[in-house]
PDB file of N, CA and C in Angstrom:
ATOM      1  N   MET A   1      25.239   3.446 -13.852  1.00  0.00           N
ATOM      2  CA  MET A   1      24.165   3.022 -13.283  1.00  0.00           C
ATOM      3  C   MET A   1      23.808   1.533 -14.296  1.00  0.00           C
ATOM      4  N   HIS A   2      23.055   0.717 -13.692  1.00  0.00           N
ATOM      5  CA  HIS A   2      22.860  -0.675 -14.429  1.00  0.00           C
ATOM      6  C   HIS A   2      21.076  -0.661 -15.255  1.00  0.00           C
ATOM      7  N   PRO A   3      20.899  -1.254 -16.125  1.00  0.00           N
ATOM      8  CA  PRO A   3      19.989  -1.242 -16.597  1.00  0.00           C
ATOM      9  C   PRO A   3      18.714  -2.551 -15.118  1.00  0.00           C
ATOM     10  N   ARG A   4      17.719  -2.076 -14.847  1.00  0.00           N
ATOM     11  CA  ARG A   4      16.739  -2.494 -13.464  1.00  0.00           C
ATOM     12  C   ARG A   4      15.758  -3.293 -14.515  1.00  0.00           C
ATOM     13  N   PRO A   5      14.913  -4.722 -14.205  1.00  0.00           N
ATOM     14  CA  PRO A   5      13.842  -4.807 -14.610  1.00  0.00           C
ATOM     15  C   PRO A   5      12.868  -4.232 -14.874  1.00  0.00           C
ATOM     16  N   SER A   6      12.628  -3.322 -13.966  1.00  0.00           N
ATOM     17  CA  SER A   6      11.024  -2.723 -13.934  1.00  0.00           C
ATOM     18  C   SER A   6      11.279  -1.021 -13.114  1.00  0.00           C
ATOM     19  N   PRO A   7      10.282  -0.218 -13.183  1.00  0.00           N
ATOM     20  CA  PRO A   7      10.575   1.036 -12.820  1.00  0.00           C
ATOM     21  C   PRO A   7      10.442   1.070 -11.043  1.00  0.00           C
ATOM     22  N   ILE A   8       9.560   0.314 -10.646  1.00  0.00           N
ATOM     23  CA  ILE A   8       9.633   0.391  -9.399  1.00  0.00           C
ATOM     24  C   ILE A   8      11.203  -0.257  -8.703  1.00  0.00           C
ATOM     25  N   ALA A   9      11.922  -1.449  -9.191  1.00  0.00           N
ATOM     26  CA  ALA A   9      12.779  -1.827  -8.616  1.00  0.00           C
ATOM     27  C   ALA A   9      14.001  -0.953  -8.804  1.00  0.00           C
ATOM     28  N   ALA A  10      13.817  -0.317 -10.247  1.00  0.00           N
ATOM     29  CA  ALA A  10      14.919   0.573 -10.626  1.00  0.00           C
ATOM     30  C   ALA A  10      14.554   2.326  -9.435  1.00  0.00           C
ATOM     31  N   SER A  11      14.172   2.066  -8.999  1.00  0.00           N
ATOM     32  CA  SER A  11      13.288   3.096  -8.015  1.00  0.00           C
ATOM     33  C   SER A  11      14.359   2.984  -6.612  1.00  0.00           C
ATOM     34  N   LEU A  12      13.847   2.010  -6.456  1.00  0.00           N
ATOM     35  CA  LEU A  12      14.628   1.242  -5.385  1.00  0.00           C
ATOM     36  C   LEU A  12      15.744   1.571  -5.159  1.00  0.00           C
ATOM     37  N   TYR A  13      16.526   0.675  -6.260  1.00  0.00           N
ATOM     38  CA  TYR A  13      18.246   1.300  -6.555  1.00  0.00           C
ATOM     39  C   TYR A  13      18.818   2.385  -6.478  1.00  0.00           C
ATOM     40  N   THR A  14      17.641   3.191  -6.668  1.00  0.00           N
ATOM     41  CA  THR A  14      18.728   4.454  -6.892  1.00  0.00           C
ATOM     42  C   THR A  14      18.549   5.016  -5.576  1.00  0.00           C
ATOM     43  N   LEU A  15      17.208   4.826  -4.897  1.00  0.00           N
ATOM     44  CA  LEU A  15      17.462   4.996  -3.426  1.00  0.00           C
ATOM     45  C   LEU A  15      18.273   4.392  -2.903  1.00  0.00           C
ATOM     46  N   ARG A  16      18.516   3.453  -2.690  1.00  0.00           N
ATOM     47  CA  ARG A  16      20.315   2.981  -2.613  1.00  0.00           C
ATOM     48  C   ARG A  16      21.137   3.305  -2.929  1.00  0.00           C
ATOM     49  N   ASP A  17      21.501   3.872  -3.736  1.00  0.00           N
ATOM     50  CA  ASP A  17      22.658   4.439  -4.468  1.00  0.00           C
ATOM     51  C   ASP A  17      22.525   6.150  -3.708  1.00  0.00           C
ATOM     52  N   LEU A  18      21.540   6.740  -3.109  1.00  0.00           N
ATOM     53  CA  LEU A  18      21.566   7.942  -2.821  1.00  0.00           C
ATOM     54  C   LEU A  18      21.511   7.862  -1.412  1.00  0.00           C
ATOM     55  N   ASN A  19      22.000   6.684  -0.712  1.00  0.00           N
ATOM     56  CA  ASN A  19      21.958   6.092   0.878  1.00  0.00           C
ATOM     57  C   ASN A  19      20.989   6.548   1.494  1.00  0.00           C
ATOM     58  N   ALA A  20      20.150   6.272   1.222  1.00  0.00           N
ATOM     59  CA  ALA A  20      18.409   5.700   1.984  1.00  0.00           C
ATOM     60  C   ALA A  20      18.709   4.945   2.853  1.00  0.00           C
ATOM     61  N   ASP A  21      18.488   5.236   4.080  1.00  0.00           N
ATOM     62  CA  ASP A  21      18.573   4.664   5.391  1.00  0.00           C
ATOM     63  C   ASP A  21      17.452   3.064   5.518  1.00  0.00           C
ATOM     64  N   VAL A  22      15.810   3.710   5.000  1.00  0.00           N
ATOM     65  CA  VAL A  22      15.006   3.121   4.940  1.00  0.00           C
ATOM     66  C   VAL A  22      13.935   2.806   3.943  1.00  0.00           C
ATOM     67  N   ILE A  23      13.481   2.682   3.121  1.00  0.00           N
ATOM     68  CA  ILE A  23      12.408   2.764   2.033  1.00  0.00           C
ATOM     69  C   ILE A  23      10.814   2.098   2.422  1.00  0.00           C
ATOM     70  N   VAL A  24       9.934   3.055   2.102  1.00  0.00           N
ATOM     71  CA  VAL A  24       8.318   2.490   2.286  1.00  0.00           C
ATOM     72  C   VAL A  24       7.989   2.255   0.997  1.00  0.00           C
ATOM     73  N   MET A  25       7.515   1.329   0.989  1.00  0.00           N
ATOM     74  CA  MET A  25       6.584   1.345  -0.576  1.00  0.00           C
ATOM     75  C   MET A  25       5.403   0.850  -0.056  1.00  0.00           C
ATOM     76  N   HIS A  26       4.035   1.848  -0.783  1.00  0.00           N
ATOM     77  CA  HIS A  26       2.836   1.504  -0.763  1.00  0.00           C
ATOM     78  C   HIS A  26       2.591   0.339  -2.061  1.00  0.00           C
ATOM     79  N   GLY A  27       1.787  -0.770  -1.437  1.00  0.00           N
ATOM     80  CA  GLY A  27       1.657  -1.605  -2.455  1.00  0.00           C
ATOM     81  C   GLY A  27       0.824  -2.723  -1.417  1.00  0.00           C
ATOM     82  N   PRO A  28       1.121  -4.030  -1.812  1.00  0.00           N
ATOM     83  CA  PRO A  28       0.248  -5.147  -1.271  1.00  0.00           C
ATOM     84  C   PRO A  28       1.742  -5.714  -0.733  1.00  0.00           C
ATOM     85  N   HIS A  29       1.055  -6.666   0.542  1.00  0.00           N
ATOM     86  CA  HIS A  29       2.222  -7.226   1.297  1.00  0.00           C
ATOM     87  C   HIS A  29       2.835  -8.247   0.427  1.00  0.00           C
ATOM     88  N   GLY A  30       4.592  -8.331  -0.170  1.00  0.00           N
ATOM     89  CA  GLY A  30       5.231  -8.436  -0.677  1.00  0.00           C
ATOM     90  C   GLY A  30       5.395  -8.328  -1.985  1.00  0.00           C
ATOM     91  N   CYS A  31       5.448  -6.511  -2.188  1.00  0.00           N
ATOM     92  CA  CYS A  31       5.645  -6.234  -2.974  1.00  0.00           C
ATOM     93  C   CYS A  31       6.637  -5.846  -3.436  1.00  0.00           C
ATOM     94  N   CYS A  32       7.688  -6.621  -4.586  1.00  0.00           N
ATOM     95  CA  CYS A  32       9.034  -6.386  -5.193  1.00  0.00           C
ATOM     96  C   CYS A  32       9.992  -7.084  -3.854  1.00  0.00           C
ATOM     97  N   PHE A  33       9.181  -8.027  -3.368  1.00  0.00           N
ATOM     98  CA  PHE A  33       9.775  -9.418  -2.008  1.00  0.00           C
ATOM     99  C   PHE A  33      11.279  -9.071  -2.892  1.00  0.00           C
ATOM    100  N   ARG A  34      11.506  -9.550  -3.839  1.00  0.00           N
ATOM    101  CA  ARG A  34      12.991 -10.173  -4.065  1.00  0.00           C
ATOM    102  C   ARG A  34      14.072  -9.367  -4.276  1.00  0.00           C
ATOM    103  N   THR A  35      13.620  -7.722  -4.697  1.00  0.00           N
ATOM    104  CA  THR A  35      14.615  -6.765  -4.925  1.00  0.00           C
ATOM    105  C   THR A  35      14.455  -6.110  -3.378  1.00  0.00           C
ATOM    106  N   GLY A  36      13.648  -6.065  -2.578  1.00  0.00           N
ATOM    107  CA  GLY A  36      13.483  -5.246  -1.202  1.00  0.00           C
ATOM    108  C   GLY A  36      14.198  -6.209  -0.093  1.00  0.00           C
ATOM    109  N   ARG A  37      14.766  -8.111  -0.347  1.00  0.00           N
ATOM    110  CA  ARG A  37      15.745  -8.705   0.571  1.00  0.00           C
ATOM    111  C   ARG A  37      16.641  -8.241  -0.297  1.00  0.00           C
ATOM    112  N   LEU A  38      17.263  -8.207  -1.836  1.00  0.00           N
ATOM    113  CA  LEU A  38      18.489  -7.820  -1.795  1.00  0.00           C
ATOM    114  C   LEU A  38      18.953  -6.729  -1.229  1.00  0.00           C
ATOM    115  N   LEU A  39      17.965  -5.550  -1.395  1.00  0.00           N
ATOM    116  CA  LEU A  39      18.455  -4.209  -0.508  1.00  0.00           C
ATOM    117  C   LEU A  39      18.704  -4.206   0.481  1.00  0.00           C
ATOM    118  N   GLU A  40      18.218  -5.029   1.353  1.00  0.00           N
ATOM    119  CA  GLU A  40      18.462  -5.671   2.839  1.00  0.00           C
ATOM    120  C   GLU A  40      19.579  -6.034   2.923  1.00  0.00           C
ATOM    121  N   SER A  41      20.298  -6.781   1.985  1.00  0.00           N
ATOM    122  CA  SER A  41      21.690  -7.506   2.403  1.00  0.00           C
ATOM    123  C   SER A  41      22.729  -6.245   2.201  1.00  0.00           C
ATOM    124  N   ASP A  42      22.173  -5.247   1.634  1.00  0.00           N
ATOM    125  CA  ASP A  42      22.885  -3.773   0.966  1.00  0.00           C
ATOM    126  C   ASP A  42      22.775  -3.059   2.455  1.00  0.00           C
ATOM    127  N   GLY A  43      21.852  -3.451   3.456  1.00  0.00           N
ATOM    128  CA  GLY A  43      22.039  -2.379   4.378  1.00  0.00           C
ATOM    129  C   GLY A  43      20.772  -1.869   4.438  1.00  0.00           C
ATOM    130  N   VAL A  44      19.734  -1.587   3.608  1.00  0.00           N
ATOM    131  CA  VAL A  44      18.997  -0.848   3.125  1.00  0.00           C
ATOM    132  C   VAL A  44      17.476  -1.742   3.939  1.00  0.00           C
ATOM    133  N   ARG A  45      16.906  -0.478   4.781  1.00  0.00           N
ATOM    134  CA  ARG A  45      15.921  -1.215   5.555  1.00  0.00           C
ATOM    135  C   ARG A  45      14.693  -1.279   3.996  1.00  0.00           C
ATOM    136  N   VAL A  46      13.974  -1.987   3.860  1.00  0.00           N
ATOM    137  CA  VAL A  46      12.743  -1.699   3.245  1.00  0.00           C
ATOM    138  C   VAL A  46      11.189  -2.369   3.615  1.00  0.00           C
ATOM    139  N   VAL A  47      10.123  -1.678   3.941  1.00  0.00           N
ATOM    140  CA  VAL A  47       9.260  -2.208   4.728  1.00  0.00           C
ATOM    141  C   VAL A  47       7.852  -1.883   3.292  1.00  0.00           C
ATOM    142  N   THR A  48       7.131  -2.378   3.192  1.00  0.00           N
ATOM    143  CA  THR A  48       5.582  -2.537   2.767  1.00  0.00           C
ATOM    144  C   THR A  48       4.450  -1.665   3.655  1.00  0.00           C
ATOM    145  N   THR A  49       3.566  -1.132   3.098  1.00  0.00           N
ATOM    146  CA  THR A  49       2.279  -0.592   3.878  1.00  0.00           C
ATOM    147  C   THR A  49       1.013  -1.220   3.836  1.00  0.00           C
ATOM    148  N   ALA A  50       1.122  -2.739   3.071  1.00  0.00           N
ATOM    149  CA  ALA A  50       0.261  -3.616   2.556  1.00  0.00           C
ATOM    150  C   ALA A  50      -0.975  -3.065   2.626  1.00  0.00           C
ATOM    151  N   MET A  51      -0.432  -1.688   1.711  1.00  0.00           N
ATOM    152  CA  MET A  51      -2.169  -0.810   1.282  1.00  0.00           C
ATOM    153  C   MET A  51      -2.641  -1.588   0.167  1.00  0.00           C
ATOM    154  N   ALA A  52      -3.890  -1.725  -0.012  1.00  0.00           N
ATOM    155  CA  ALA A  52      -5.193  -2.420  -1.366  1.00  0.00           C
ATOM    156  C   ALA A  52      -5.322  -1.200  -1.954  1.00  0.00           C
ATOM    157  N   GLU A  53      -5.668  -1.582  -2.748  1.00  0.00           N
ATOM    158  CA  GLU A  53      -6.633  -0.237  -3.766  1.00  0.00           C
ATOM    159  C   GLU A  53      -7.644   0.248  -2.708  1.00  0.00           C
ATOM    160  N   ASN A  54      -8.240  -0.060  -1.848  1.00  0.00           N
ATOM    161  CA  ASN A  54      -9.634   0.704  -1.395  1.00  0.00           C
ATOM    162  C   ASN A  54      -8.752   0.856   0.282  1.00  0.00           C
ATOM    163  N   ASP A  55      -7.756   0.687  -0.046  1.00  0.00           N
ATOM    164  CA  ASP A  55      -7.545   1.235   1.398  1.00  0.00           C
ATOM    165  C   ASP A  55      -7.036   2.611   1.829  1.00  0.00           C
ATOM    166  N   PHE A  56      -7.358   3.734   0.169  1.00  0.00           N
ATOM    167  CA  PHE A  56      -6.953   5.197   0.365  1.00  0.00           C
ATOM    168  C   PHE A  56      -7.662   5.836   0.989  1.00  0.00           C
TER     169      PHE A  56
END
Protein backbone atom coordinates (compact mmCIF):
# COMPACT_ATOMS: atom_id res chain seq x y z
CA MET A 1 0.00 0.00 0.00
CA HIS A 2 1.17 3.51 -0.80
CA PRO A 3 0.27 6.53 1.33
CA ARG A 4 -2.46 8.70 -0.20
CA PRO A 5 -3.14 12.43 0.24
CA SER A 6 -6.54 12.12 1.95
CA PRO A 7 -8.76 9.50 3.61
CA ILE A 8 -11.27 9.76 0.76
CA ALA A 9 -8.60 9.18 -1.88
CA ALA A 10 -7.17 6.33 0.19
CA SER A 11 -10.55 4.63 0.36
CA LEU A 12 -11.04 5.05 -3.40
CA TYR A 13 -7.70 3.42 -4.14
CA THR A 14 -8.50 0.64 -1.66
CA LEU A 15 -11.75 -0.05 -3.51
CA ARG A 16 -9.78 -0.20 -6.75
CA ASP A 17 -7.36 -2.67 -5.16
CA LEU A 18 -10.38 -4.78 -4.13
CA ASN A 19 -11.44 -4.90 -7.83
CA ALA A 20 -14.49 -2.63 -7.57
CA ASP A 21 -16.07 -1.91 -10.96
CA VAL A 22 -18.00 1.22 -9.94
CA ILE A 23 -17.56 3.69 -7.08
CA VAL A 24 -20.41 6.04 -6.12
CA MET A 25 -19.30 9.03 -4.07
CA HIS A 26 -21.85 11.09 -2.15
CA GLY A 27 -20.69 14.66 -2.35
CA PRO A 28 -20.67 17.82 -4.42
CA HIS A 29 -20.10 17.73 -8.16
CA GLY A 30 -16.37 17.42 -8.83
CA CYS A 31 -15.55 15.87 -5.46
CA CYS A 32 -12.11 14.19 -5.76
CA PHE A 33 -12.14 14.95 -9.49
CA ARG A 34 -8.45 14.24 -10.10
CA THR A 35 -8.52 10.98 -8.15
CA GLY A 36 -11.65 9.91 -9.99
CA ARG A 37 -10.08 10.54 -13.38
CA LEU A 38 -6.95 8.59 -12.41
CA LEU A 39 -9.10 5.68 -11.27
CA GLU A 40 -11.07 5.77 -14.51
CA SER A 41 -7.80 5.40 -16.41
CA ASP A 42 -7.33 2.23 -14.31
CA GLY A 43 -10.72 0.94 -15.48
CA VAL A 44 -12.90 1.89 -12.48
CA ARG A 45 -16.04 3.97 -13.14
CA VAL A 46 -16.40 6.81 -10.61
CA VAL A 47 -19.61 8.82 -10.26
CA THR A 48 -20.77 11.43 -7.74
CA THR A 49 -24.31 12.01 -6.52
CA ALA A 50 -23.77 15.80 -6.58
CA MET A 51 -25.62 15.98 -3.25
CA ALA A 52 -25.23 19.04 -1.06
CA GLU A 53 -25.61 19.15 2.73
CA ASN A 54 -29.29 20.14 2.42
CA ASP A 55 -30.20 17.26 0.08
CA PHE A 56 -30.33 14.52 2.73
